[in-house]
Amino acid sequence: EVQLVESGGGSVQQGGSLTLSCAASGFTFEDYAIGWFRQAPGKEREGVLTISSDGTTGSADSVEDRFTISRDNAGNTVYLHINSLKPWDTAVYYCAARWFLLKGVDAGLRAWEYEFWGQGTQVTVSS
């Protein structure tokens, strides 16, 4: 059974930091790129960052340097670290997986290309 399980969300004060984790199982992790997406209240889901199995990353144009992504292939886990959290970072954060074997290529953040999704983890930032 394919599973993507996000964790690490919570309620934080503006300026704080969080590291979200995405634990994957049930598929060949090294054959997949993992992307982070988020959906704020009343807004459409948007891509944040993605990372391929070789560590190549891609980001949405709107994503600030406050967001970084990393990957532990041995542990089948991808991390999203967010610094200097702002109230508008409040959203449900989802990780997703797409089959992607290319090396040195950004996997992109087109949601329809991602076949497996987690249930999401809530991040709430208060001012």
Foldseek 3Di string as FASTA:
>chain_A
DWAWAKDFADEEEQQAKTKIKIAIDDDQLLQKKKWKWWDAPPGDIDTAKIAHSVGDMDGDPPHDPQWDKDDDNVRRMIMIMGGRDDQVVWTWMKMFIAGHDDPPDYPDDDPVRTDDIHPTDTHGYDD
